[in-house]
Protein backbone atom coordinates (compact mmCIF):
# COMPACT_ATOMS: atom_id res chain seq x y z
CA MET A 1 -55.03 -37.95 -111.43
CA PHE A 2 -57.56 -40.73 -111.21
CA ARG A 3 -57.62 -41.48 -107.47
CA GLU A 4 -60.11 -44.04 -106.22
CA LYS A 5 -61.70 -41.87 -103.52
CA ASP A 6 -62.22 -39.01 -106.01
CA MET A 7 -63.68 -41.34 -108.65
CA VAL A 8 -66.03 -42.96 -106.11
CA LYS A 9 -67.25 -39.52 -105.08
CA ALA A 10 -67.80 -38.41 -108.71
CA LEU A 11 -69.55 -41.62 -109.79
CA SER A 12 -71.66 -41.68 -106.63
CA TRP A 13 -72.75 -38.09 -107.39
CA LEU A 14 -73.68 -39.12 -110.96
CA ILE A 15 -75.73 -42.12 -109.83
CA GLY A 16 -77.28 -40.01 -107.06
CA LEU A 17 -78.80 -37.68 -109.67
CA TYR A 18 -81.43 -40.35 -110.29
CA GLU A 19 -84.43 -40.58 -108.01
CA PRO A 20 -85.52 -44.08 -106.92
CA ILE A 21 -88.64 -43.69 -109.07
CA ASP A 22 -86.39 -43.27 -112.17
CA PHE A 23 -85.43 -46.93 -111.94
CA GLY A 24 -87.81 -49.03 -114.05
CA ALA A 25 -87.76 -52.08 -111.81
CA TYR A 26 -87.84 -50.02 -108.63
CA ASP A 27 -87.25 -51.96 -105.44
CA GLU A 28 -85.61 -49.82 -102.78
CA GLU A 29 -84.15 -52.79 -100.90
CA GLU A 30 -82.70 -54.39 -104.03
CA LEU A 31 -81.39 -51.07 -105.34
CA GLY A 32 -79.15 -50.33 -102.36
CA VAL A 33 -76.44 -47.67 -102.20
CA ASP A 34 -75.03 -46.41 -105.53
CA GLY A 35 -77.44 -48.51 -107.53
CA GLY A 36 -76.17 -51.72 -105.97
CA ILE A 37 -72.77 -51.74 -107.71
CA CYS A 38 -69.33 -51.76 -106.13
CA LEU A 39 -67.81 -48.43 -107.11
CA GLU A 40 -64.32 -49.51 -105.99
CA GLU A 41 -64.38 -52.24 -108.66
CA VAL A 42 -65.77 -49.80 -111.21
CA CYS A 43 -62.90 -47.42 -110.42
CA MET A 44 -60.36 -50.10 -111.34
CA GLY A 45 -62.15 -50.58 -114.65
CA VAL A 46 -62.28 -46.83 -115.25
CA ARG A 47 -58.58 -46.44 -114.51
CA ASP A 48 -57.81 -49.16 -117.07
CA LYS A 49 -59.72 -47.26 -119.79
CA VAL A 50 -58.30 -43.78 -119.19
CA GLN A 51 -56.96 -42.18 -122.36
CA THR A 52 -56.11 -38.87 -123.94
CA ILE A 53 -59.16 -37.64 -125.82
CA TYR A 54 -58.44 -36.26 -129.28
CA GLN A 55 -60.66 -34.17 -131.56
CA TYR A 56 -59.84 -36.33 -134.55
CA THR A 57 -58.31 -39.80 -134.85
CA VAL A 58 -57.58 -42.27 -137.61
CA GLU A 59 -56.84 -45.89 -136.74
CA SER A 60 -55.97 -48.63 -139.18
CA SER A 61 -55.24 -52.32 -138.88
CA HIS A 62 -54.18 -52.52 -142.54
CA GLU A 63 -50.48 -53.32 -143.00
CA LEU A 64 -49.97 -50.11 -144.99
CA GLY A 65 -52.39 -48.11 -142.89
CA PHE A 66 -51.47 -45.31 -140.52
CA LYS A 67 -52.57 -43.79 -137.26
CA TYR A 68 -53.24 -40.11 -136.75
CA ARG A 69 -54.25 -38.03 -133.76
CA GLY A 70 -55.30 -34.38 -133.95
CA LYS A 71 -55.40 -31.84 -131.15
CA GLU A 72 -56.47 -32.85 -127.66
CA LEU A 73 -60.15 -32.25 -126.97
CA PHE A 74 -59.52 -31.48 -123.30
CA ARG A 75 -56.23 -30.68 -121.66
CA GLN A 76 -56.62 -33.74 -119.49
CA ARG A 77 -57.21 -37.44 -119.86
CA GLY A 78 -60.60 -39.07 -119.51
CA CYS A 79 -62.62 -42.25 -119.60
CA LYS A 80 -65.74 -42.75 -121.66
CA ILE A 81 -68.45 -43.72 -119.19
CA TYR A 82 -71.40 -44.02 -121.54
CA SER A 83 -72.28 -43.56 -125.21
CA ASP A 84 -75.60 -43.60 -126.99
CA MET A 85 -75.89 -43.91 -130.76
CA GLU A 86 -78.26 -41.24 -132.05
CA VAL A 87 -77.91 -42.12 -135.75
CA GLY A 88 -76.16 -45.05 -137.39
CA ALA A 89 -75.87 -46.85 -140.70
CA SER A 90 -74.03 -50.04 -141.54
CA ASP A 91 -73.23 -51.65 -144.86
CA VAL A 92 -69.78 -51.72 -146.42
CA ILE A 93 -69.18 -48.50 -144.49
CA THR A 94 -70.33 -48.14 -140.90
CA SER A 95 -71.04 -44.62 -139.73
CA THR A 96 -72.43 -43.45 -136.41
CA TYR A 97 -73.29 -40.26 -134.58
CA GLU A 98 -73.10 -40.76 -130.83
CA LYS A 99 -73.52 -38.74 -127.67
CA GLU A 100 -70.88 -39.62 -125.09
CA LEU A 101 -70.38 -39.00 -121.37
CA TRP A 102 -66.74 -38.71 -120.30
CA LEU A 103 -65.27 -38.63 -116.79
CA LEU A 104 -62.30 -36.26 -116.90
CA GLU A 105 -59.16 -36.20 -114.78
CA ASP A 106 -60.44 -33.30 -112.66
CA MET A 107 -63.46 -35.54 -111.80
CA SER A 108 -65.88 -33.45 -113.82
CA PHE A 109 -68.05 -34.90 -116.55
CA ALA A 110 -68.33 -33.72 -120.15
CA LEU A 111 -70.87 -34.34 -122.89
CA VAL A 112 -69.34 -34.97 -126.32
CA HIS A 113 -70.64 -35.73 -129.80
CA CYS A 114 -68.67 -38.30 -131.80
CA VAL A 115 -69.01 -38.95 -135.52
CA SER A 116 -67.25 -42.12 -136.61
CA MET A 117 -66.80 -44.01 -139.83
CA GLY A 118 -65.38 -47.49 -140.30
CA ILE A 119 -64.45 -49.01 -143.63
CA GLY A 120 -63.41 -52.59 -144.30
CA ALA A 121 -63.20 -55.86 -142.43
CA GLU A 122 -61.70 -56.32 -138.97
CA ASP A 123 -58.26 -57.35 -140.24
CA ASN A 124 -58.05 -54.50 -142.81
CA GLU A 125 -60.05 -51.70 -141.32
CA TYR A 126 -59.89 -47.91 -141.19
CA ILE A 127 -61.74 -46.05 -138.47
CA THR A 128 -62.01 -42.29 -138.20
CA GLU A 129 -63.57 -40.44 -135.28
CA TYR A 130 -64.30 -36.77 -134.85
CA ARG A 131 -65.33 -35.46 -131.42
CA SER A 132 -66.71 -32.09 -130.41
CA ILE A 133 -67.61 -30.80 -126.98
CA ILE A 134 -71.31 -30.25 -126.35
CA LYS A 135 -70.84 -28.88 -122.83
CA ARG A 136 -69.74 -29.72 -119.33
CA PHE A 137 -72.15 -32.03 -117.57
CA GLU A 138 -73.86 -29.99 -114.87
CA GLY A 139 -76.62 -32.07 -113.35
CA LYS A 140 -79.85 -33.99 -113.71
CA GLN A 141 -80.99 -31.93 -116.72
CA ASP A 142 -78.03 -33.32 -118.73
CA LEU A 143 -78.84 -37.00 -118.15
CA PHE A 144 -79.54 -38.75 -121.44
CA MET A 145 -79.51 -42.38 -120.31
CA THR A 146 -81.66 -44.47 -118.04
CA PRO A 147 -80.16 -45.39 -114.66
CA GLU A 148 -80.26 -49.07 -115.63
CA ASP A 149 -78.24 -48.38 -118.81
CA LEU A 150 -75.67 -46.36 -116.88
CA LEU A 151 -75.27 -49.04 -114.18
CA GLU A 152 -75.00 -51.74 -116.83
CA GLU A 153 -72.23 -49.80 -118.59
CA LEU A 154 -70.37 -49.27 -115.31
CA GLU A 155 -70.66 -52.96 -114.44
CA GLU A 156 -69.36 -53.84 -117.92
CA MET A 157 -66.10 -52.07 -117.00
CA CYS A 158 -65.64 -54.62 -114.19
CA VAL A 159 -65.80 -57.71 -116.44
CA PRO A 160 -62.01 -57.87 -117.08
CA GLN A 161 -61.45 -57.94 -113.30
CA TRP A 162 -64.04 -60.65 -112.79
CA GLU A 163 -62.54 -62.71 -115.61
CA HIS A 164 -58.99 -62.09 -114.32
CA THR A 165 -57.82 -60.40 -117.53
CA ALA A 166 -57.49 -56.86 -116.14
CA THR A 167 -54.30 -54.93 -115.53
CA ILE A 168 -53.64 -54.80 -111.79
CA TYR A 169 -52.83 -51.38 -110.33
CA GLU A 170 -51.43 -50.97 -106.86
CA MET A 171 -52.99 -48.15 -104.89
């Protein structure tokens, strides 16, 4: 279950893996606690993006298209916290190979590879995604993003709240 106090603790631990010197524009006063972001707001954004994570999915917006979901990747729901495209190509077909960081329901983190392919325009599009587990996120040695990129991604989850378009959950 995604409880606020548990999510705050997990996200605070993740941000705390960075040393102050890791921040490019290091200013200890400006940085503040938890990188200067409000984790309670981030938790609302995370809760809104929680989903079941499947190994393989097919999504289509075409009128004759279909949707398919394979086996669950984890036996719990999760929220993608961060993704970094390692390889990508875009033309008529868009394909990417990304490394993703997921926050799982037990408040652990997992590293996942995702290969995706999109064909067509937005109104008639097919998207397939295949995910495989790299490993459970264990600590600082597994960080693959800068602290600024992580904080920016976490803040991005708050935008629907700030623009008053988010689903409101009562706690």
